[in-house]
Amino acid sequence: MTGLSTILIVVGLFLAGGVYSFHKQKLPTGVIALLGICSVLCLVAGVLRIQGIWE
């Protein structure tokens, strides 16, 4: 269970870095918003799995 949680958190942080990079490159807002939403979903899913709320 913790292996998948770790992967979800790492992917979420990677996507968050992509949001920052895309914002600096002034890419379309839609791409940045989609990447941000995916990042938040991965981070929340990873934390919920660590807490044992979502199995």
PDB file of N, CA and C in Angstrom:
ATOM      1  N   MET A   1       0.825  -1.197   0.000  1.00  0.00           N
ATOM      2  CA  MET A   1       0.000   0.000   0.000  1.00  0.00           C
ATOM      3  C   MET A   1       0.865   1.255   0.000  1.00  0.00           C
ATOM      4  N   THR A   2       1.968   1.265   0.727  1.00  0.00           N
ATOM      5  CA  THR A   2       2.770   2.484   0.790  1.00  0.00           C
ATOM      6  C   THR A   2       3.545   2.709  -0.505  1.00  0.00           C
ATOM      7  N   GLY A   3       3.815   1.646  -1.265  1.00  0.00           N
ATOM      8  CA  GLY A   3       4.517   1.818  -2.531  1.00  0.00           C
ATOM      9  C   GLY A   3       3.712   2.642  -3.514  1.00  0.00           C
ATOM     10  N   LEU A   4       2.432   2.355  -3.637  1.00  0.00           N
ATOM     11  CA  LEU A   4       1.566   3.116  -4.528  1.00  0.00           C
ATOM     12  C   LEU A   4       1.390   4.545  -4.019  1.00  0.00           C
ATOM     13  N   SER A   5       1.311   4.703  -2.714  1.00  0.00           N
ATOM     14  CA  SER A   5       1.199   6.047  -2.134  1.00  0.00           C
ATOM     15  C   SER A   5       2.412   6.880  -2.489  1.00  0.00           C
ATOM     16  N   THR A   6       3.579   6.287  -2.378  1.00  0.00           N
ATOM     17  CA  THR A   6       4.816   6.989  -2.705  1.00  0.00           C
ATOM     18  C   THR A   6       4.841   7.388  -4.174  1.00  0.00           C
ATOM     19  N   ILE A   7       4.446   6.480  -5.034  1.00  0.00           N
ATOM     20  CA  ILE A   7       4.428   6.767  -6.469  1.00  0.00           C
ATOM     21  C   ILE A   7       3.462   7.908  -6.770  1.00  0.00           C
ATOM     22  N   LEU A   8       2.274   7.886  -6.157  1.00  0.00           N
ATOM     23  CA  LEU A   8       1.291   8.945  -6.384  1.00  0.00           C
ATOM     24  C   LEU A   8       1.817  10.302  -5.928  1.00  0.00           C
ATOM     25  N   ILE A   9       2.489  10.336  -4.788  1.00  0.00           N
ATOM     26  CA  ILE A   9       3.019  11.600  -4.286  1.00  0.00           C
ATOM     27  C   ILE A   9       4.152  12.100  -5.163  1.00  0.00           C
ATOM     28  N   VAL A  10       5.032  11.204  -5.594  1.00  0.00           N
ATOM     29  CA  VAL A  10       6.135  11.612  -6.468  1.00  0.00           C
ATOM     30  C   VAL A  10       5.611  12.139  -7.800  1.00  0.00           C
ATOM     31  N   VAL A  11       4.630  11.455  -8.376  1.00  0.00           N
ATOM     32  CA  VAL A  11       4.039  11.920  -9.638  1.00  0.00           C
ATOM     33  C   VAL A  11       3.346  13.269  -9.435  1.00  0.00           C
ATOM     34  N   GLY A  12       2.664  13.431  -8.315  1.00  0.00           N
ATOM     35  CA  GLY A  12       2.008  14.702  -8.023  1.00  0.00           C
ATOM     36  C   GLY A  12       3.002  15.848  -7.914  1.00  0.00           C
ATOM     37  N   LEU A  13       4.134  15.605  -7.252  1.00  0.00           N
ATOM     38  CA  LEU A  13       5.163  16.636  -7.144  1.00  0.00           C
ATOM     39  C   LEU A  13       5.807  16.930  -8.491  1.00  0.00           C
ATOM     40  N   PHE A  14       5.994  15.890  -9.308  1.00  0.00           N
ATOM     41  CA  PHE A  14       6.542  16.070 -10.649  1.00  0.00           C
ATOM     42  C   PHE A  14       5.612  16.947 -11.494  1.00  0.00           C
ATOM     43  N   LEU A  15       4.327  16.680 -11.407  1.00  0.00           N
ATOM     44  CA  LEU A  15       3.350  17.481 -12.147  1.00  0.00           C
ATOM     45  C   LEU A  15       3.294  18.912 -11.626  1.00  0.00           C
ATOM     46  N   ALA A  16       3.450  19.080 -10.310  1.00  0.00           N
ATOM     47  CA  ALA A  16       3.471  20.430  -9.740  1.00  0.00           C
ATOM     48  C   ALA A  16       4.666  21.211 -10.280  1.00  0.00           C
ATOM     49  N   GLY A  17       5.808  20.546 -10.440  1.00  0.00           N
ATOM     50  CA  GLY A  17       6.966  21.198 -11.053  1.00  0.00           C
ATOM     51  C   GLY A  17       6.692  21.570 -12.496  1.00  0.00           C
ATOM     52  N   GLY A  18       5.932  20.730 -13.191  1.00  0.00           N
ATOM     53  CA  GLY A  18       5.543  21.034 -14.563  1.00  0.00           C
ATOM     54  C   GLY A  18       4.644  22.257 -14.643  1.00  0.00           C
ATOM     55  N   VAL A  19       3.757  22.403 -13.674  1.00  0.00           N
ATOM     56  CA  VAL A  19       2.880  23.583 -13.632  1.00  0.00           C
ATOM     57  C   VAL A  19       3.734  24.839 -13.515  1.00  0.00           C
ATOM     58  N   TYR A  20       4.700  24.817 -12.616  1.00  0.00           N
ATOM     59  CA  TYR A  20       5.573  25.977 -12.427  1.00  0.00           C
ATOM     60  C   TYR A  20       6.361  26.279 -13.704  1.00  0.00           C
ATOM     61  N   SER A  21       6.896  25.243 -14.318  1.00  0.00           N
ATOM     62  CA  SER A  21       7.683  25.415 -15.540  1.00  0.00           C
ATOM     63  C   SER A  21       6.819  25.938 -16.684  1.00  0.00           C
ATOM     64  N   PHE A  22       5.633  25.373 -16.853  1.00  0.00           N
ATOM     65  CA  PHE A  22       4.749  25.813 -17.932  1.00  0.00           C
ATOM     66  C   PHE A  22       4.291  27.246 -17.722  1.00  0.00           C
ATOM     67  N   HIS A  23       4.086  27.630 -16.452  1.00  0.00           N
ATOM     68  CA  HIS A  23       3.691  29.004 -16.159  1.00  0.00           C
ATOM     69  C   HIS A  23       4.818  29.975 -16.525  1.00  0.00           C
ATOM     70  N   LYS A  24       6.061  29.591 -16.233  1.00  0.00           N
ATOM     71  CA  LYS A  24       7.198  30.446 -16.576  1.00  0.00           C
ATOM     72  C   LYS A  24       7.360  30.573 -18.092  1.00  0.00           C
ATOM     73  N   GLN A  25       6.993  29.517 -18.845  1.00  0.00           N
ATOM     74  CA  GLN A  25       7.111  29.538 -20.301  1.00  0.00           C
ATOM     75  C   GLN A  25       5.903  30.203 -20.958  1.00  0.00           C
ATOM     76  N   LYS A  26       4.928  30.597 -20.157  1.00  0.00           N
ATOM     77  CA  LYS A  26       3.709  31.267 -20.628  1.00  0.00           C
ATOM     78  C   LYS A  26       2.929  30.409 -21.633  1.00  0.00           C
ATOM     79  N   LEU A  27       2.772  29.129 -21.313  1.00  0.00           N
ATOM     80  CA  LEU A  27       1.972  28.233 -22.131  1.00  0.00           C
ATOM     81  C   LEU A  27       0.487  28.498 -21.859  1.00  0.00           C
ATOM     82  N   PRO A  28      -0.408  27.941 -22.681  1.00  0.00           N
ATOM     83  CA  PRO A  28      -1.843  28.208 -22.512  1.00  0.00           C
ATOM     84  C   PRO A  28      -2.356  27.854 -21.109  1.00  0.00           C
ATOM     85  N   THR A  29      -3.269  28.657 -20.635  1.00  0.00           N
ATOM     86  CA  THR A  29      -3.813  28.494 -19.296  1.00  0.00           C
ATOM     87  C   THR A  29      -4.520  27.154 -19.132  1.00  0.00           C
ATOM     88  N   GLY A  30      -5.153  26.662 -20.178  1.00  0.00           N
ATOM     89  CA  GLY A  30      -5.842  25.380 -20.100  1.00  0.00           C
ATOM     90  C   GLY A  30      -4.909  24.231 -19.783  1.00  0.00           C
ATOM     91  N   VAL A  31      -3.722  24.244 -20.377  1.00  0.00           N
ATOM     92  CA  VAL A  31      -2.732  23.197 -20.122  1.00  0.00           C
ATOM     93  C   VAL A  31      -2.251  23.282 -18.677  1.00  0.00           C
ATOM     94  N   ILE A  32      -2.011  24.494 -18.218  1.00  0.00           N
ATOM     95  CA  ILE A  32      -1.542  24.685 -16.847  1.00  0.00           C
ATOM     96  C   ILE A  32      -2.614  24.244 -15.849  1.00  0.00           C
ATOM     97  N   ALA A  33      -3.863  24.575 -16.104  1.00  0.00           N
ATOM     98  CA  ALA A  33      -4.958  24.193 -15.207  1.00  0.00           C
ATOM     99  C   ALA A  33      -5.126  22.677 -15.166  1.00  0.00           C
ATOM    100  N   LEU A  34      -5.069  22.026 -16.312  1.00  0.00           N
ATOM    101  CA  LEU A  34      -5.207  20.576 -16.359  1.00  0.00           C
ATOM    102  C   LEU A  34      -4.076  19.896 -15.598  1.00  0.00           C
ATOM    103  N   LEU A  35      -2.863  20.364 -15.790  1.00  0.00           N
ATOM    104  CA  LEU A  35      -1.712  19.810 -15.086  1.00  0.00           C
ATOM    105  C   LEU A  35      -1.836  20.047 -13.582  1.00  0.00           C
ATOM    106  N   GLY A  36      -2.327  21.208 -13.195  1.00  0.00           N
ATOM    107  CA  GLY A  36      -2.517  21.512 -11.779  1.00  0.00           C
ATOM    108  C   GLY A  36      -3.549  20.610 -11.136  1.00  0.00           C
ATOM    109  N   ILE A  37      -4.649  20.371 -11.829  1.00  0.00           N
ATOM    110  CA  ILE A  37      -5.694  19.488 -11.314  1.00  0.00           C
ATOM    111  C   ILE A  37      -5.167  18.068 -11.154  1.00  0.00           C
ATOM    112  N   CYS A  38      -4.441  17.584 -12.147  1.00  0.00           N
ATOM    113  CA  CYS A  38      -3.859  16.238 -12.065  1.00  0.00           C
ATOM    114  C   CYS A  38      -2.875  16.137 -10.905  1.00  0.00           C
ATOM    115  N   SER A  39      -2.095  17.189 -10.710  1.00  0.00           N
ATOM    116  CA  SER A  39      -1.130  17.214  -9.615  1.00  0.00           C
ATOM    117  C   SER A  39      -1.832  17.108  -8.268  1.00  0.00           C
ATOM    118  N   VAL A  40      -2.861  17.913  -8.076  1.00  0.00           N
ATOM    119  CA  VAL A  40      -3.593  17.904  -6.811  1.00  0.00           C
ATOM    120  C   VAL A  40      -4.257  16.555  -6.578  1.00  0.00           C
ATOM    121  N   LEU A  41      -4.834  15.970  -7.613  1.00  0.00           N
ATOM    122  CA  LEU A  41      -5.491  14.672  -7.461  1.00  0.00           C
ATOM    123  C   LEU A  41      -4.497  13.586  -7.053  1.00  0.00           C
ATOM    124  N   CYS A  42      -3.315  13.584  -7.668  1.00  0.00           N
ATOM    125  CA  CYS A  42      -2.293  12.593  -7.312  1.00  0.00           C
ATOM    126  C   CYS A  42      -1.830  12.777  -5.872  1.00  0.00           C
ATOM    127  N   LEU A  43      -1.585  14.019  -5.480  1.00  0.00           N
ATOM    128  CA  LEU A  43      -1.122  14.278  -4.118  1.00  0.00           C
ATOM    129  C   LEU A  43      -2.183  13.888  -3.086  1.00  0.00           C
ATOM    130  N   VAL A  44      -3.434  14.234  -3.341  1.00  0.00           N
ATOM    131  CA  VAL A  44      -4.506  13.901  -2.405  1.00  0.00           C
ATOM    132  C   VAL A  44      -4.693  12.388  -2.323  1.00  0.00           C
ATOM    133  N   ALA A  45      -4.667  11.704  -3.451  1.00  0.00           N
ATOM    134  CA  ALA A  45      -4.820  10.246  -3.439  1.00  0.00           C
ATOM    135  C   ALA A  45      -3.680   9.584  -2.668  1.00  0.00           C
ATOM    136  N   GLY A  46      -2.457  10.066  -2.847  1.00  0.00           N
ATOM    137  CA  GLY A  46      -1.322   9.512  -2.114  1.00  0.00           C
ATOM    138  C   GLY A  46      -1.443   9.716  -0.626  1.00  0.00           C
ATOM    139  N   VAL A  47      -1.860  10.905  -0.211  1.00  0.00           N
ATOM    140  CA  VAL A  47      -2.018  11.183   1.222  1.00  0.00           C
ATOM    141  C   VAL A  47      -3.159  10.363   1.806  1.00  0.00           C
ATOM    142  N   LEU A  48      -4.256  10.237   1.084  1.00  0.00           N
ATOM    143  CA  LEU A  48      -5.387   9.444   1.579  1.00  0.00           C
ATOM    144  C   LEU A  48      -4.990   7.981   1.736  1.00  0.00           C
ATOM    145  N   ARG A  49      -4.173   7.467   0.832  1.00  0.00           N
ATOM    146  CA  ARG A  49      -3.728   6.079   0.947  1.00  0.00           C
ATOM    147  C   ARG A  49      -2.799   5.905   2.139  1.00  0.00           C
ATOM    148  N   ILE A  50      -1.946   6.882   2.398  1.00  0.00           N
ATOM    149  CA  ILE A  50      -1.060   6.785   3.551  1.00  0.00           C
ATOM    150  C   ILE A  50      -1.871   6.806   4.843  1.00  0.00           C
ATOM    151  N   GLN A  51      -2.902   7.632   4.895  1.00  0.00           N
ATOM    152  CA  GLN A  51      -3.743   7.741   6.077  1.00  0.00           C
ATOM    153  C   GLN A  51      -4.655   6.522   6.255  1.00  0.00           C
ATOM    154  N   GLY A  52      -4.780   5.711   5.213  1.00  0.00           N
ATOM    155  CA  GLY A  52      -5.630   4.530   5.299  1.00  0.00           C
ATOM    156  C   GLY A  52      -7.093   4.799   5.038  1.00  0.00           C
ATOM    157  N   ILE A  53      -7.410   5.992   4.545  1.00  0.00           N
ATOM    158  CA  ILE A  53      -8.803   6.357   4.278  1.00  0.00           C
ATOM    159  C   ILE A  53      -9.273   5.737   2.974  1.00  0.00           C
ATOM    160  N   TRP A  54      -8.388   5.721   1.981  1.00  0.00           N
ATOM    161  CA  TRP A  54      -8.738   5.183   0.662  1.00  0.00           C
ATOM    162  C   TRP A  54      -7.844   4.003   0.366  1.00  0.00           C
ATOM    163  N   GLU A  55      -8.435   2.835   0.206  1.00  0.00           N
ATOM    164  CA  GLU A  55      -7.623   1.643  -0.021  1.00  0.00           C
ATOM    165  C   GLU A  55      -7.747   1.219  -1.423  1.00  0.00           C
TER     166      GLU A  55
END
